[in-house]
Amino acid sequence: MRGAVSLPAPIAQFPWRVVIPLTMLVAFGAAVLHSAAGGSFSPYAGSHLLRFGVFLIVALVMSYFPEDWARFVAIPGYIAILLLLMAVEAVGQLGGGSQRWLELGFIRLQPSELMKPGIVLILAAFYHSLPVGMIGSWRALLVPAGLLAVPMGLVLLQPDLGTSLAIAFGGVVVMFLAGIPQKWFIGGGLAAVCAAPLAYFFGLQPYQQQRVLTFLDPASDPQGSGYHIIQSKIAIGSGGLSGKGFGEGSQSQLNYLPEPHTDFVFATMAEEWGLIGGLFVLLVFGIVLRWGLLTARDAKTRFSRLLAGGMTATIFFYVAVNLMMVMGLAPVVGIPLPFMSHGGSSMMTNMLCVGALMMVERWNRQSTSAGL
């Protein structure tokens, strides 16, 4: 076409449609964190932007990995993360009553976060290597169940119920997308319902049991276990349509809202930016998740399709559980809001998921250009 402008290949192939909305969301998150710190870029907003920049580079580098490389690192990567989880039990650092971190000098690492994308990768590789005719066999269920059970058990020992549920969710989604017979999911769901009372009384720590009771009736202990969710609801509700204004949120500024920069950052935002700010956040997440689903739909191989679907599900789990948590629709389980909450582990996990999706998108583009 005469007059058409041809962009250089690196610019044309750059994943603009996800980098632009993510940058907008992270920048908005930095503004909220700036307000949560009393009008200062330190200690939250500055480090938030720096981490995004670093992990964006990591994600872009990941996007150039070929598919056979990704499949090759699945098993050694899974084993390495398991060893790190075992190291947490042996020499991990305590924080907030839990033993979840490894002090490596240059970074404080939470290995359980790495298992969220790690379990998706190993299960995608497993089902890729499994003959299609065996998808209805017990091997297609028992091996993935074992791959899930070991890290979940190690994470529950820390204890960290939220992260173990996130690992389970990503793994189960990959199993579903792989074509596991639905009767097994129905049976597993019924077994989970029957086992729920036993898990509550014998599997949960006392503080975790209290979180469940608080979710059912926050007003039963408004100054104790119900304080978090009550203050969060007040913050969200008081924002109205357009919010109280940047830096004018009383719940966060006057320290009524606990953890305004991490788990309850959405409540901090909603109080100052109102419904309009909340709809903007939901819109951007919708754009990112839609991109992930389209990437999975366009995947050319079983491995890439399962990988993209599982990574998208992992990001969705973060978003859905955090938003339900701050609005009182789910127990408080310590799940941060992706790309807005302050925290290196959360940013690392979600950017690894984004990097994997960029990687699959590039494989899709290469397959299409090769005429496959």
Protein backbone atom coordinates (compact mmCIF):
# COMPACT_ATOMS: atom_id res chain seq x y z
CA MET A 1 0.00 0.00 0.00
CA ARG A 2 1.49 3.35 -1.10
CA GLY A 3 2.44 5.65 1.74
CA ALA A 4 2.34 2.91 4.38
CA VAL A 5 4.94 3.21 7.11
CA SER A 6 6.97 0.08 7.88
CA LEU A 7 8.25 -0.06 11.44
CA PRO A 8 11.55 -1.78 12.26
CA ALA A 9 10.99 -5.40 13.31
CA PRO A 10 12.11 -4.93 16.97
CA ILE A 11 9.57 -2.13 17.41
CA ALA A 12 6.77 -3.87 15.50
CA GLN A 13 7.25 -7.12 17.44
CA PHE A 14 7.56 -5.48 20.85
CA PRO A 15 4.63 -6.59 23.08
CA TRP A 16 3.12 -3.10 23.30
CA ARG A 17 -0.42 -4.32 23.95
CA VAL A 18 0.54 -5.71 27.34
CA VAL A 19 3.49 -3.48 28.29
CA ILE A 20 1.48 -0.25 27.91
CA PRO A 21 -1.47 -1.26 30.15
CA LEU A 22 0.90 -2.84 32.70
CA THR A 23 3.00 0.33 32.83
CA MET A 24 -0.14 2.40 33.37
CA LEU A 25 -1.28 0.09 36.18
CA VAL A 26 2.13 0.07 37.87
CA ALA A 27 2.37 3.86 37.61
CA PHE A 28 -1.10 4.18 39.16
CA GLY A 29 -0.04 1.75 41.87
CA ALA A 30 3.04 3.87 42.55
CA ALA A 31 0.79 6.93 42.99
CA VAL A 32 -1.34 5.01 45.52
CA LEU A 33 1.80 3.82 47.34
CA HIS A 34 3.12 7.40 47.35
CA SER A 35 -0.06 8.42 49.14
CA ALA A 36 0.08 5.43 51.53
CA ALA A 37 3.57 6.56 52.59
CA GLY A 38 2.26 10.01 53.54
CA GLY A 39 3.25 11.73 50.31
CA SER A 40 6.71 10.24 49.88
CA PHE A 41 8.26 8.06 47.18
CA SER A 42 10.17 6.28 49.94
CA PRO A 43 9.93 3.51 50.95
CA TYR A 44 7.18 2.09 48.72
CA ALA A 45 6.65 3.89 45.41
CA GLY A 46 10.28 4.19 44.34
CA SER A 47 11.14 0.54 44.98
CA HIS A 48 7.84 -0.50 43.33
CA LEU A 49 8.78 1.24 40.07
CA LEU A 50 12.36 -0.08 40.24
CA ARG A 51 11.20 -3.67 40.68
CA PHE A 52 8.81 -3.37 37.77
CA GLY A 53 11.60 -2.05 35.56
CA VAL A 54 13.97 -4.87 36.53
CA PHE A 55 11.40 -7.65 36.12
CA LEU A 56 10.10 -6.18 32.88
CA ILE A 57 13.59 -6.64 31.47
CA VAL A 58 13.59 -10.21 32.80
CA ALA A 59 10.21 -10.85 31.12
CA LEU A 60 11.42 -9.44 27.80
CA VAL A 61 14.52 -11.62 27.94
CA MET A 62 12.32 -14.64 28.69
CA SER A 63 10.22 -13.90 25.62
CA TYR A 64 13.15 -14.85 23.37
CA PHE A 65 13.54 -18.36 24.82
CA PRO A 66 12.69 -21.11 22.31
CA GLU A 67 10.03 -23.67 23.20
CA ASP A 68 12.45 -26.57 23.60
CA TRP A 69 14.41 -24.54 26.16
CA ALA A 70 11.26 -23.94 28.20
CA ARG A 71 10.42 -27.64 28.20
CA PHE A 72 14.02 -28.53 29.10
CA VAL A 73 14.10 -26.35 32.24
CA ALA A 74 10.75 -27.62 33.54
CA ILE A 75 12.10 -30.59 35.52
CA PRO A 76 15.35 -29.07 36.86
CA GLY A 77 13.47 -25.85 37.68
CA TYR A 78 10.83 -27.76 39.64
CA ILE A 79 13.48 -29.72 41.55
CA ALA A 80 15.45 -26.54 42.33
CA ILE A 81 12.37 -24.82 43.77
CA LEU A 82 11.58 -27.91 45.88
CA LEU A 83 15.11 -27.79 47.29
CA LEU A 84 14.64 -24.10 48.11
CA LEU A 85 11.37 -24.91 49.89
CA MET A 86 13.17 -27.57 51.92
CA ALA A 87 15.88 -25.04 52.72
CA VAL A 88 13.20 -22.71 54.08
CA GLU A 89 12.23 -25.40 56.59
CA ALA A 90 15.86 -25.82 57.62
CA VAL A 91 17.31 -22.30 57.66
CA GLY A 92 14.44 -20.00 56.63
CA GLN A 93 13.86 -16.62 58.24
CA LEU A 94 10.84 -15.95 60.43
CA GLY A 95 8.54 -13.03 59.69
CA GLY A 96 5.01 -12.33 60.91
CA GLY A 97 4.88 -15.68 62.69
CA SER A 98 5.71 -17.65 59.53
CA GLN A 99 8.90 -19.18 58.17
CA ARG A 100 8.77 -18.37 54.44
CA TRP A 101 11.94 -16.56 53.39
CA LEU A 102 15.57 -17.26 52.58
CA GLU A 103 18.14 -14.54 53.22
CA LEU A 104 20.56 -14.73 50.28
CA GLY A 105 22.43 -11.51 51.06
CA PHE A 106 21.47 -9.57 47.95
CA ILE A 107 17.79 -10.57 48.10
CA ARG A 108 15.20 -11.90 50.52
CA LEU A 109 13.64 -14.73 48.51
CA GLN A 110 10.27 -16.41 49.09
CA PRO A 111 10.66 -19.73 47.20
CA SER A 112 6.96 -20.56 47.43
CA GLU A 113 6.28 -17.68 45.03
CA LEU A 114 8.49 -19.32 42.41
CA MET A 115 6.43 -22.50 42.64
CA LYS A 116 3.31 -20.75 41.30
CA PRO A 117 4.70 -20.43 37.74
CA GLY A 118 6.92 -23.48 38.35
CA ILE A 119 3.99 -25.87 38.85
CA VAL A 120 2.35 -24.61 35.65
CA LEU A 121 5.56 -25.19 33.71
CA ILE A 122 6.17 -28.74 34.97
CA LEU A 123 2.55 -29.83 34.41
CA ALA A 124 2.46 -28.31 30.92
CA ALA A 125 5.65 -30.23 30.08
CA PHE A 126 4.22 -33.44 31.57
CA TYR A 127 0.99 -33.33 29.58
CA HIS A 128 2.89 -32.37 26.43
CA SER A 129 4.92 -35.58 26.73
CA LEU A 130 1.89 -37.73 27.66
CA PRO A 131 0.32 -39.51 24.67
CA VAL A 132 -3.15 -38.18 23.90
CA GLY A 133 -4.63 -41.63 24.30
CA MET A 134 -3.51 -41.76 27.95
CA ILE A 135 -5.23 -38.55 29.04
CA GLY A 136 -8.04 -40.60 30.58
CA SER A 137 -5.70 -42.98 32.43
CA TRP A 138 -4.80 -42.87 36.11
CA ARG A 139 -1.26 -41.83 35.19
CA ALA A 140 -2.64 -38.55 33.85
CA LEU A 141 -4.07 -37.86 37.32
CA LEU A 142 -1.74 -39.47 39.84
CA VAL A 143 1.56 -38.04 38.57
CA PRO A 144 0.30 -34.42 38.46
CA ALA A 145 -1.39 -34.93 41.86
CA GLY A 146 1.98 -35.98 43.29
CA LEU A 147 3.74 -33.03 41.65
CA LEU A 148 1.17 -30.75 43.30
CA ALA A 149 1.03 -32.42 46.70
CA VAL A 150 4.74 -32.16 47.54
CA PRO A 151 5.16 -28.38 47.19
CA MET A 152 1.74 -27.72 48.68
CA GLY A 153 2.69 -29.75 51.74
CA LEU A 154 5.97 -27.87 52.14
CA VAL A 155 4.21 -24.50 51.81
CA LEU A 156 1.51 -25.46 54.31
CA LEU A 157 4.27 -26.23 56.82
CA GLN A 158 5.46 -22.60 56.69
CA PRO A 159 2.39 -22.06 57.18
CA ASP A 160 1.02 -20.23 54.11
CA LEU A 161 -2.49 -21.25 53.11
CA GLY A 162 -2.93 -18.52 50.48
CA THR A 163 0.15 -19.49 48.50
CA SER A 164 -0.66 -23.21 48.68
CA LEU A 165 -4.13 -22.48 47.28
CA ALA A 166 -2.57 -20.42 44.48
CA ILE A 167 -0.26 -23.31 43.58
CA ALA A 168 -3.22 -25.70 43.59
CA PHE A 169 -5.33 -23.39 41.43
CA GLY A 170 -2.70 -23.04 38.71
CA GLY A 171 -2.07 -26.77 38.67
CA VAL A 172 -5.76 -27.73 38.55
CA VAL A 173 -6.39 -25.29 35.69
CA VAL A 174 -3.59 -26.91 33.66
CA MET A 175 -5.06 -30.35 34.39
CA PHE A 176 -8.50 -29.16 33.26
CA LEU A 177 -7.14 -27.62 30.05
CA ALA A 178 -5.20 -30.83 29.37
CA GLY A 179 -8.51 -32.69 29.05
CA ILE A 180 -8.67 -34.68 32.28
CA PRO A 181 -12.11 -36.40 32.46
CA GLN A 182 -14.67 -34.17 34.17
CA LYS A 183 -15.84 -37.00 36.43
CA TRP A 184 -12.51 -36.77 38.25
CA PHE A 185 -13.00 -33.06 38.90
CA ILE A 186 -16.54 -33.69 40.13
CA GLY A 187 -15.29 -36.47 42.40
CA GLY A 188 -12.46 -34.28 43.65
CA GLY A 189 -14.89 -31.44 44.36
CA LEU A 190 -17.20 -33.70 46.34
CA ALA A 191 -14.24 -35.11 48.29
CA ALA A 192 -13.05 -31.58 49.07
CA VAL A 193 -16.49 -30.63 50.41
CA CYS A 194 -16.56 -33.71 52.62
CA ALA A 195 -13.00 -33.10 53.83
CA ALA A 196 -13.51 -29.38 54.53
CA PRO A 197 -14.64 -29.84 58.17
CA LEU A 198 -11.66 -32.12 58.89
CA ALA A 199 -9.30 -29.66 57.20
CA TYR A 200 -10.75 -26.81 59.27
CA PHE A 201 -10.40 -28.53 62.66
CA PHE A 202 -7.18 -30.48 62.08
CA GLY A 203 -5.39 -28.84 59.13
CA LEU A 204 -5.63 -25.12 59.84
CA GLN A 205 -3.67 -23.15 62.38
CA PRO A 206 -5.73 -21.35 65.06
CA TYR A 207 -5.22 -17.96 63.40
CA GLN A 208 -6.35 -19.43 60.07
CA GLN A 209 -9.50 -20.82 61.69
CA GLN A 210 -10.14 -17.38 63.13
CA ARG A 211 -9.87 -15.83 59.66
CA VAL A 212 -12.62 -18.14 58.41
CA LEU A 213 -14.87 -17.20 61.36
CA THR A 214 -14.12 -13.52 60.82
CA PHE A 215 -15.05 -13.83 57.15
CA LEU A 216 -18.43 -15.25 58.14
CA ASP A 217 -19.08 -12.54 60.76
CA PRO A 218 -16.56 -9.64 60.85
CA ALA A 219 -18.69 -7.70 63.34
CA SER A 220 -18.23 -10.42 65.97
CA ASP A 221 -14.81 -8.97 66.83
CA PRO A 222 -14.62 -5.44 65.33
CA GLN A 223 -11.54 -4.42 67.32
CA GLY A 224 -9.73 -7.71 66.85
CA SER A 225 -9.80 -10.24 64.03
CA GLY A 226 -12.58 -8.39 62.17
CA TYR A 227 -10.78 -5.04 62.23
CA HIS A 228 -8.99 -5.44 58.87
CA ILE A 229 -12.02 -6.21 56.76
CA ILE A 230 -14.29 -3.67 58.50
CA GLN A 231 -11.80 -0.84 57.91
CA SER A 232 -11.32 -1.99 54.31
CA LYS A 233 -15.06 -1.84 53.65
CA ILE A 234 -15.24 1.62 55.22
CA ALA A 235 -12.40 2.84 53.00
CA ILE A 236 -13.92 1.44 49.81
CA GLY A 237 -17.42 2.67 50.61
CA SER A 238 -16.35 6.17 51.62
CA GLY A 239 -14.64 6.77 48.27
CA GLY A 240 -17.95 7.21 46.45
CA LEU A 241 -17.88 7.92 42.73
CA SER A 242 -14.71 9.97 42.37
CA GLY A 243 -12.98 9.50 45.73
CA LYS A 244 -11.80 11.92 48.41
CA GLY A 245 -8.85 13.10 46.35
CA PHE A 246 -5.19 12.14 45.98
CA GLY A 247 -3.56 11.94 49.40
CA GLU A 248 -6.82 12.71 51.21
CA GLY A 249 -7.84 9.23 52.32
CA SER A 250 -8.49 9.31 56.05
CA GLN A 251 -8.49 5.54 56.55
CA SER A 252 -4.95 5.14 55.21
CA GLN A 253 -3.51 8.53 56.17
CA LEU A 254 -4.66 8.21 59.78
CA ASN A 255 -3.55 4.54 60.01
CA TYR A 256 -7.03 3.09 60.46
CA LEU A 257 -6.52 0.77 57.47
CA PRO A 258 -3.96 -2.00 58.18
CA GLU A 259 -1.44 -2.85 55.44
CA PRO A 260 -2.56 -0.02 53.12
CA HIS A 261 0.47 -0.59 50.85
CA THR A 262 0.25 -4.39 50.47
CA ASP A 263 -2.84 -6.57 50.92
CA PHE A 264 -5.27 -3.63 51.17
CA VAL A 265 -3.82 -1.34 48.52
CA PHE A 266 -7.08 -1.54 46.54
CA ALA A 267 -8.97 -0.12 49.53
CA THR A 268 -6.41 2.69 49.78
CA MET A 269 -6.93 3.43 46.09
CA ALA A 270 -10.74 3.21 46.24
CA GLU A 271 -10.97 5.70 49.09
CA GLU A 272 -8.98 8.34 47.21
CA TRP A 273 -10.01 7.59 43.61
CA GLY A 274 -13.47 6.15 44.12
CA LEU A 275 -15.47 4.01 41.73
CA ILE A 276 -13.76 5.61 38.75
CA GLY A 277 -10.35 4.48 39.97
CA GLY A 278 -11.67 1.00 40.72
CA LEU A 279 -13.16 0.65 37.25
CA PHE A 280 -9.85 1.74 35.72
CA VAL A 281 -8.00 -0.98 37.67
CA LEU A 282 -10.55 -3.62 36.63
CA LEU A 283 -10.36 -2.47 32.99
CA VAL A 284 -6.57 -2.83 32.88
CA PHE A 285 -6.68 -6.25 34.50
CA GLY A 286 -9.34 -7.24 31.99
CA ILE A 287 -7.06 -6.15 29.13
CA VAL A 288 -4.12 -8.13 30.51
CA LEU A 289 -6.16 -11.28 31.19
CA ARG A 290 -7.83 -11.09 27.78
CA TRP A 291 -4.37 -10.88 26.19
CA GLY A 292 -3.34 -13.98 28.12
CA LEU A 293 -6.42 -15.92 27.03
CA LEU A 294 -5.97 -14.92 23.38
CA THR A 295 -2.32 -15.99 23.57
CA ALA A 296 -3.40 -19.40 24.91
CA ARG A 297 -6.11 -19.71 22.26
CA ASP A 298 -3.64 -19.01 19.43
CA ALA A 299 -0.98 -21.42 20.77
CA LYS A 300 0.15 -24.01 18.23
CA THR A 301 1.26 -26.82 20.57
CA ARG A 302 -0.22 -28.49 23.64
CA PHE A 303 2.71 -27.33 25.77
CA SER A 304 2.40 -23.67 24.80
CA ARG A 305 -1.40 -23.72 25.18
CA LEU A 306 -1.23 -25.22 28.68
CA LEU A 307 1.62 -22.93 29.68
CA ALA A 308 -0.22 -19.78 28.58
CA GLY A 309 -3.52 -20.90 30.10
CA GLY A 310 -1.90 -21.77 33.43
CA MET A 311 0.04 -18.50 33.67
CA THR A 312 -3.08 -16.49 32.90
CA ALA A 313 -4.97 -18.44 35.58
CA THR A 314 -2.22 -17.67 38.12
CA ILE A 315 -2.52 -13.91 37.52
CA PHE A 316 -6.32 -14.21 37.66
CA PHE A 317 -6.13 -16.00 41.03
CA TYR A 318 -4.11 -13.12 42.51
CA VAL A 319 -6.54 -10.51 41.22
CA ALA A 320 -9.77 -12.32 42.08
CA VAL A 321 -8.80 -13.40 45.59
CA ASN A 322 -7.34 -10.02 46.58
CA LEU A 323 -10.39 -8.08 45.37
CA MET A 324 -12.77 -10.53 47.05
CA MET A 325 -10.67 -10.37 50.21
CA VAL A 326 -10.69 -6.56 50.57
CA MET A 327 -14.46 -6.44 49.91
CA GLY A 328 -15.25 -9.12 52.48
CA LEU A 329 -16.18 -11.79 49.95
CA ALA A 330 -13.30 -14.13 50.93
CA PRO A 331 -11.21 -14.71 54.07
CA VAL A 332 -8.05 -12.65 54.47
CA VAL A 333 -5.29 -14.95 53.21
CA GLY A 334 -2.46 -12.52 52.47
CA ILE A 335 -2.71 -12.39 48.66
CA PRO A 336 -1.41 -9.04 47.28
CA LEU A 337 -2.89 -7.22 44.27
CA PRO A 338 -0.64 -7.76 41.22
CA PHE A 339 1.32 -4.77 39.93
CA MET A 340 -0.13 -2.44 42.58
CA SER A 341 0.77 -3.89 45.99
CA HIS A 342 4.25 -3.22 47.31
CA GLY A 343 6.32 -6.40 47.44
CA GLY A 344 9.15 -7.92 45.47
CA SER A 345 7.93 -11.53 45.59
CA SER A 346 4.52 -10.69 44.14
CA MET A 347 6.04 -8.54 41.39
CA MET A 348 8.54 -11.29 40.56
CA THR A 349 5.88 -14.00 40.28
CA ASN A 350 3.47 -12.02 38.15
CA MET A 351 6.18 -10.69 35.83
CA LEU A 352 7.46 -14.26 35.34
CA CYS A 353 3.91 -15.17 34.30
CA VAL A 354 3.84 -12.20 31.93
CA GLY A 355 7.25 -13.20 30.55
CA ALA A 356 6.00 -16.73 29.88
CA LEU A 357 2.98 -15.31 28.04
CA MET A 358 5.24 -13.04 25.97
CA MET A 359 7.30 -16.11 25.17
CA VAL A 360 4.26 -18.08 23.96
CA GLU A 361 3.05 -15.08 21.94
CA ARG A 362 6.41 -14.95 20.15
CA TRP A 363 6.22 -18.70 19.43
CA ASN A 364 2.75 -18.14 17.97
CA ARG A 365 4.04 -15.35 15.75
CA GLN A 366 7.00 -17.42 14.57
CA SER A 367 4.76 -20.39 13.74
CA THR A 368 2.38 -18.17 11.78
CA SER A 369 5.19 -16.53 9.79
CA ALA A 370 6.62 -19.97 9.01
CA GLY A 371 3.26 -21.06 7.65
CA LEU A 372 2.64 -23.70 10.31
